[in-house]
């Protein structure tokens, strides 16, 4: 189990296009084992949690760790995680967060919430943020050593830095 991946799942869920089943399939395209089990009924619970996680990210971005913990505990109460040990042989035991009968929505939500619970308890409740780039509000998980991440991606960072450089050059000429 990759806990960092699971906390990233929460940010990805906040950023996901959940407008249709097709959009959800695209969001999960890297995990075919989920895509093949996807049902239209998975959309509503994911949209609801997406909204709740968005508020949690905003609380973290403004530095309100107590609110993050309150929101996370509320979500954990609404969506209990049912861990189980799984594996293919004696050397491959690993942890899953839901049973085989869980829906795609239950699985994705459980992974995101477990990842956030571990993130909050291991590195702090204010490690989620919103991209600082113009015209981007994507959520991200800040795993930097000094909690200094400002952008959701290298693309947004580069675009912002290039725009700032162009403004400085223009001002120095002007």
C-alpha atoms as a PDB file:
ATOM      1  CA  UNK A   1       0.000   0.000   0.000  1.00  0.00           C
ATOM      2  CA  UNK A   2       1.373   3.369  -1.001  1.00  0.00           C
ATOM      3  CA  UNK A   3       0.066   5.889   1.524  1.00  0.00           C
ATOM      4  CA  UNK A   4       1.500   8.861  -0.378  1.00  0.00           C
ATOM      5  CA  UNK A   5      -0.435   7.690  -3.427  1.00  0.00           C
ATOM      6  CA  UNK A   6      -3.583   7.505  -1.333  1.00  0.00           C
ATOM      7  CA  UNK A   7      -3.222  11.092  -0.097  1.00  0.00           C
ATOM      8  CA  UNK A   8      -2.659  12.151  -3.712  1.00  0.00           C
ATOM      9  CA  UNK A   9      -5.924  10.354  -4.500  1.00  0.00           C
ATOM     10  CA  UNK A  10      -7.726  12.915  -2.320  1.00  0.00           C
ATOM     11  CA  UNK A  11      -6.282  15.896  -4.226  1.00  0.00           C
ATOM     12  CA  UNK A  12      -6.954  14.176  -7.540  1.00  0.00           C
ATOM     13  CA  UNK A  13     -10.556  13.586  -6.492  1.00  0.00           C
ATOM     14  CA  UNK A  14     -10.977  17.280  -5.661  1.00  0.00           C
ATOM     15  CA  UNK A  15      -9.605  18.151  -9.115  1.00  0.00           C
ATOM     16  CA  UNK A  16     -11.492  15.450 -11.017  1.00  0.00           C
ATOM     17  CA  UNK A  17     -14.103  16.066 -13.674  1.00  0.00           C
ATOM     18  CA  UNK A  18     -17.069  14.116 -12.353  1.00  0.00           C
ATOM     19  CA  UNK A  19     -19.590  15.463 -14.845  1.00  0.00           C
ATOM     20  CA  UNK A  20     -20.311  12.048 -16.351  1.00  0.00           C
ATOM     21  CA  UNK A  21     -19.513   8.367 -16.145  1.00  0.00           C
ATOM     22  CA  UNK A  22     -17.196   8.828 -19.133  1.00  0.00           C
ATOM     23  CA  UNK A  23     -15.313  11.607 -17.332  1.00  0.00           C
ATOM     24  CA  UNK A  24     -14.971   9.385 -14.260  1.00  0.00           C
ATOM     25  CA  UNK A  25     -13.649   6.569 -16.462  1.00  0.00           C
ATOM     26  CA  UNK A  26     -11.053   8.984 -17.823  1.00  0.00           C
ATOM     27  CA  UNK A  27     -10.110  10.036 -14.280  1.00  0.00           C
ATOM     28  CA  UNK A  28      -9.572   6.403 -13.276  1.00  0.00           C
ATOM     29  CA  UNK A  29      -8.010   5.308 -16.577  1.00  0.00           C
ATOM     30  CA  UNK A  30      -4.714   4.390 -14.950  1.00  0.00           C
ATOM     31  CA  UNK A  31      -6.442   1.818 -12.762  1.00  0.00           C
ATOM     32  CA  UNK A  32      -8.249  -0.598 -15.034  1.00  0.00           C
ATOM     33  CA  UNK A  33      -9.245  -2.792 -12.101  1.00  0.00           C
ATOM     34  CA  UNK A  34     -11.500   0.077 -10.979  1.00  0.00           C
ATOM     35  CA  UNK A  35     -12.672   1.113 -14.436  1.00  0.00           C
ATOM     36  CA  UNK A  36     -14.084  -2.332 -15.216  1.00  0.00           C
ATOM     37  CA  UNK A  37     -16.180  -2.212 -12.015  1.00  0.00           C
ATOM     38  CA  UNK A  38     -17.401   1.364 -12.477  1.00  0.00           C
ATOM     39  CA  UNK A  39     -21.156   2.024 -12.384  1.00  0.00           C
ATOM     40  CA  UNK A  40     -23.203   5.175 -12.908  1.00  0.00           C
ATOM     41  CA  UNK A  41     -24.208   4.925  -9.227  1.00  0.00           C
ATOM     42  CA  UNK A  42     -20.585   5.691  -8.265  1.00  0.00           C
ATOM     43  CA  UNK A  43     -20.886   9.284  -9.474  1.00  0.00           C
ATOM     44  CA  UNK A  44     -23.163  10.738  -6.787  1.00  0.00           C
ATOM     45  CA  UNK A  45     -21.183   9.606  -3.722  1.00  0.00           C
ATOM     46  CA  UNK A  46     -17.931  10.712  -5.390  1.00  0.00           C
ATOM     47  CA  UNK A  47     -19.383  14.134  -6.194  1.00  0.00           C
ATOM     48  CA  UNK A  48     -20.543  14.522  -2.599  1.00  0.00           C
ATOM     49  CA  UNK A  49     -17.139  13.585  -1.191  1.00  0.00           C
ATOM     50  CA  UNK A  50     -15.447  15.778  -3.798  1.00  0.00           C
ATOM     51  CA  UNK A  51     -17.377  18.744  -2.409  1.00  0.00           C
ATOM     52  CA  UNK A  52     -16.514  17.799   1.188  1.00  0.00           C
ATOM     53  CA  UNK A  53     -12.832  17.280   0.350  1.00  0.00           C
ATOM     54  CA  UNK A  54     -12.739  20.629  -1.406  1.00  0.00           C
ATOM     55  CA  UNK A  55     -13.718  22.323   1.854  1.00  0.00           C
ATOM     56  CA  UNK A  56     -11.076  20.297   3.686  1.00  0.00           C
ATOM     57  CA  UNK A  57      -8.398  21.400   1.180  1.00  0.00           C
ATOM     58  CA  UNK A  58      -9.461  25.027   1.582  1.00  0.00           C
ATOM     59  CA  UNK A  59      -9.203  24.729   5.379  1.00  0.00           C
ATOM     60  CA  UNK A  60      -5.712  23.297   5.024  1.00  0.00           C
ATOM     61  CA  UNK A  61      -4.677  25.977   2.530  1.00  0.00           C
ATOM     62  CA  UNK A  62      -5.684  28.703   4.971  1.00  0.00           C
ATOM     63  CA  UNK A  63      -3.713  26.981   7.756  1.00  0.00           C
ATOM     64  CA  UNK A  64      -6.703  25.856   9.841  1.00  0.00           C
ATOM     65  CA  UNK A  65      -5.495  22.432  10.972  1.00  0.00           C
ATOM     66  CA  UNK A  66      -8.254  22.056  13.567  1.00  0.00           C
ATOM     67  CA  UNK A  67     -10.903  22.484  10.865  1.00  0.00           C
ATOM     68  CA  UNK A  68      -9.083  19.980   8.641  1.00  0.00           C
ATOM     69  CA  UNK A  69      -9.113  17.394  11.416  1.00  0.00           C
ATOM     70  CA  UNK A  70     -12.775  18.088  12.190  1.00  0.00           C
ATOM     71  CA  UNK A  71     -13.747  17.700   8.520  1.00  0.00           C
ATOM     72  CA  UNK A  72     -11.607  14.581   8.102  1.00  0.00           C
ATOM     73  CA  UNK A  73     -13.050  12.920  11.190  1.00  0.00           C
ATOM     74  CA  UNK A  74     -16.552  13.727   9.938  1.00  0.00           C
ATOM     75  CA  UNK A  75     -15.758  12.090   6.594  1.00  0.00           C
ATOM     76  CA  UNK A  76     -14.202   9.067   8.312  1.00  0.00           C
ATOM     77  CA  UNK A  77     -17.412   8.658  10.339  1.00  0.00           C
ATOM     78  CA  UNK A  78     -19.555   8.802   7.203  1.00  0.00           C
ATOM     79  CA  UNK A  79     -17.236   6.493   5.217  1.00  0.00           C
ATOM     80  CA  UNK A  80     -15.760   3.814   7.481  1.00  0.00           C
ATOM     81  CA  UNK A  81     -12.593   2.210   6.181  1.00  0.00           C
ATOM     82  CA  UNK A  82     -12.563  -1.584   6.231  1.00  0.00           C
ATOM     83  CA  UNK A  83      -8.929  -2.650   5.921  1.00  0.00           C
ATOM     84  CA  UNK A  84      -8.044  -6.172   4.875  1.00  0.00           C
ATOM     85  CA  UNK A  85      -4.812  -7.982   4.142  1.00  0.00           C
ATOM     86  CA  UNK A  86      -4.455  -9.281   0.613  1.00  0.00           C
ATOM     87  CA  UNK A  87      -1.745 -10.957  -1.417  1.00  0.00           C
ATOM     88  CA  UNK A  88      -0.897 -13.455  -4.105  1.00  0.00           C
ATOM     89  CA  UNK A  89       1.520 -15.523  -2.034  1.00  0.00           C
ATOM     90  CA  UNK A  90       3.359 -15.490   1.296  1.00  0.00           C
ATOM     91  CA  UNK A  91       5.720 -12.702   0.149  1.00  0.00           C
ATOM     92  CA  UNK A  92       3.203 -10.226  -1.255  1.00  0.00           C
ATOM     93  CA  UNK A  93       0.948  -9.336   1.669  1.00  0.00           C
ATOM     94  CA  UNK A  94      -0.369  -5.793   1.494  1.00  0.00           C
ATOM     95  CA  UNK A  95      -3.237  -3.752   2.837  1.00  0.00           C
ATOM     96  CA  UNK A  96      -6.427  -2.936   0.956  1.00  0.00           C
ATOM     97  CA  UNK A  97      -8.957  -0.486   2.366  1.00  0.00           C
ATOM     98  CA  UNK A  98     -12.174  -2.186   1.317  1.00  0.00           C
ATOM     99  CA  UNK A  99     -13.536  -5.632   0.699  1.00  0.00           C
ATOM    100  CA  UNK A 100     -14.103  -7.238  -2.704  1.00  0.00           C
ATOM    101  CA  UNK A 101     -17.775  -6.238  -2.696  1.00  0.00           C
ATOM    102  CA  UNK A 102     -17.089  -2.520  -2.256  1.00  0.00           C
ATOM    103  CA  UNK A 103     -18.186  -0.177  -5.012  1.00  0.00           C
ATOM    104  CA  UNK A 104     -15.667   1.885  -6.941  1.00  0.00           C
ATOM    105  CA  UNK A 105     -16.865   4.962  -5.047  1.00  0.00           C
ATOM    106  CA  UNK A 106     -16.354   3.246  -1.680  1.00  0.00           C
ATOM    107  CA  UNK A 107     -12.875   2.118  -2.696  1.00  0.00           C
ATOM    108  CA  UNK A 108     -11.746   5.518  -4.020  1.00  0.00           C
ATOM    109  CA  UNK A 109     -13.192   7.343  -1.013  1.00  0.00           C
ATOM    110  CA  UNK A 110     -11.585   4.912   1.444  1.00  0.00           C
ATOM    111  CA  UNK A 111      -8.188   5.238  -0.224  1.00  0.00           C
ATOM    112  CA  UNK A 112      -8.403   9.043  -0.196  1.00  0.00           C
ATOM    113  CA  UNK A 113      -9.504   9.238   3.430  1.00  0.00           C
ATOM    114  CA  UNK A 114      -6.912   6.766   4.688  1.00  0.00           C
ATOM    115  CA  UNK A 115      -4.231   8.668   2.787  1.00  0.00           C
ATOM    116  CA  UNK A 116      -5.364  11.943   4.337  1.00  0.00           C
ATOM    117  CA  UNK A 117      -5.530  10.448   7.829  1.00  0.00           C
ATOM    118  CA  UNK A 118      -1.954   9.239   7.508  1.00  0.00           C
ATOM    119  CA  UNK A 119      -0.808  12.522   5.936  1.00  0.00           C
ATOM    120  CA  UNK A 120      -2.358  14.563   8.753  1.00  0.00           C
ATOM    121  CA  UNK A 121      -0.940  12.369  11.514  1.00  0.00           C
ATOM    122  CA  UNK A 122       2.520  11.990   9.973  1.00  0.00           C
ATOM    123  CA  UNK A 123       3.294  15.451   8.521  1.00  0.00           C
ATOM    124  CA  UNK A 124       0.486  17.772   9.614  1.00  0.00           C
ATOM    125  CA  UNK A 125      -2.980  18.983   8.781  1.00  0.00           C
ATOM    126  CA  UNK A 126      -1.918  21.913   6.619  1.00  0.00           C
ATOM    127  CA  UNK A 127      -0.131  20.039   3.842  1.00  0.00           C
ATOM    128  CA  UNK A 128      -2.909  20.476   1.287  1.00  0.00           C
ATOM    129  CA  UNK A 129      -3.118  23.564  -0.857  1.00  0.00           C
ATOM    130  CA  UNK A 130      -4.537  25.309  -3.890  1.00  0.00           C
ATOM    131  CA  UNK A 131      -2.433  26.173  -6.903  1.00  0.00           C
ATOM    132  CA  UNK A 132      -1.068  29.737  -6.881  1.00  0.00           C
ATOM    133  CA  UNK A 133      -1.077  30.011 -10.692  1.00  0.00           C
ATOM    134  CA  UNK A 134      -3.498  32.406 -12.333  1.00  0.00           C
ATOM    135  CA  UNK A 135      -6.628  30.650 -13.561  1.00  0.00           C
ATOM    136  CA  UNK A 136      -5.871  27.437 -11.664  1.00  0.00           C
ATOM    137  CA  UNK A 137      -7.463  26.307  -8.436  1.00  0.00           C
ATOM    138  CA  UNK A 138      -6.313  22.685  -8.434  1.00  0.00           C
ATOM    139  CA  UNK A 139      -5.660  21.044  -5.096  1.00  0.00           C
ATOM    140  CA  UNK A 140      -2.295  19.477  -4.300  1.00  0.00           C
ATOM    141  CA  UNK A 141      -0.550  17.601  -1.501  1.00  0.00           C
ATOM    142  CA  UNK A 142       2.585  19.358  -0.275  1.00  0.00           C
ATOM    143  CA  UNK A 143       5.192  16.730   0.531  1.00  0.00           C
ATOM    144  CA  UNK A 144       8.113  19.164   0.382  1.00  0.00           C
ATOM    145  CA  UNK A 145      10.496  19.140   3.327  1.00  0.00           C
ATOM    146  CA  UNK A 146       9.791  22.762   4.242  1.00  0.00           C
ATOM    147  CA  UNK A 147       6.094  22.904   3.296  1.00  0.00           C
ATOM    148  CA  UNK A 148       6.782  25.397   0.506  1.00  0.00           C
ATOM    149  CA  UNK A 149       4.883  24.008  -2.473  1.00  0.00           C
ATOM    150  CA  UNK A 150       2.767  26.635  -4.265  1.00  0.00           C
ATOM    151  CA  UNK A 151       1.714  25.004  -7.522  1.00  0.00           C
ATOM    152  CA  UNK A 152      -0.226  21.895  -8.494  1.00  0.00           C
ATOM    153  CA  UNK A 153       2.188  20.987 -11.278  1.00  0.00           C
ATOM    154  CA  UNK A 154       5.453  21.845 -12.958  1.00  0.00           C
ATOM    155  CA  UNK A 155       3.430  23.258 -15.831  1.00  0.00           C
ATOM    156  CA  UNK A 156       1.664  25.821 -13.611  1.00  0.00           C
ATOM    157  CA  UNK A 157       4.919  26.710 -11.862  1.00  0.00           C
ATOM    158  CA  UNK A 158       6.780  27.220 -15.130  1.00  0.00           C
ATOM    159  CA  UNK A 159       3.946  29.229 -16.704  1.00  0.00           C
ATOM    160  CA  UNK A 160       3.806  31.536 -13.662  1.00  0.00           C
ATOM    161  CA  UNK A 161       7.581  31.982 -13.470  1.00  0.00           C
ATOM    162  CA  UNK A 162       7.899  32.693 -17.204  1.00  0.00           C
ATOM    163  CA  UNK A 163       5.097  35.270 -16.997  1.00  0.00           C
ATOM    164  CA  UNK A 164       6.823  36.952 -14.031  1.00  0.00           C
ATOM    165  CA  UNK A 165      10.144  37.016 -15.891  1.00  0.00           C
ATOM    166  CA  UNK A 166       8.493  38.601 -18.938  1.00  0.00           C
ATOM    167  CA  UNK A 167       6.867  41.259 -16.727  1.00  0.00           C
ATOM    168  CA  UNK A 168      10.206  42.084 -15.086  1.00  0.00           C
ATOM    169  CA  UNK A 169      11.949  42.363 -18.476  1.00  0.00           C
ATOM    170  CA  UNK A 170       9.183  44.575 -19.784  1.00  0.00           C
ATOM    171  CA  UNK A 171       9.395  46.851 -16.721  1.00  0.00           C
ATOM    172  CA  UNK A 172      13.182  47.124 -17.020  1.00  0.00           C
ATOM    173  CA  UNK A 173      12.863  48.225 -20.651  1.00  0.00           C
ATOM    174  CA  UNK A 174      10.055  50.619 -20.002  1.00  0.00           C
END
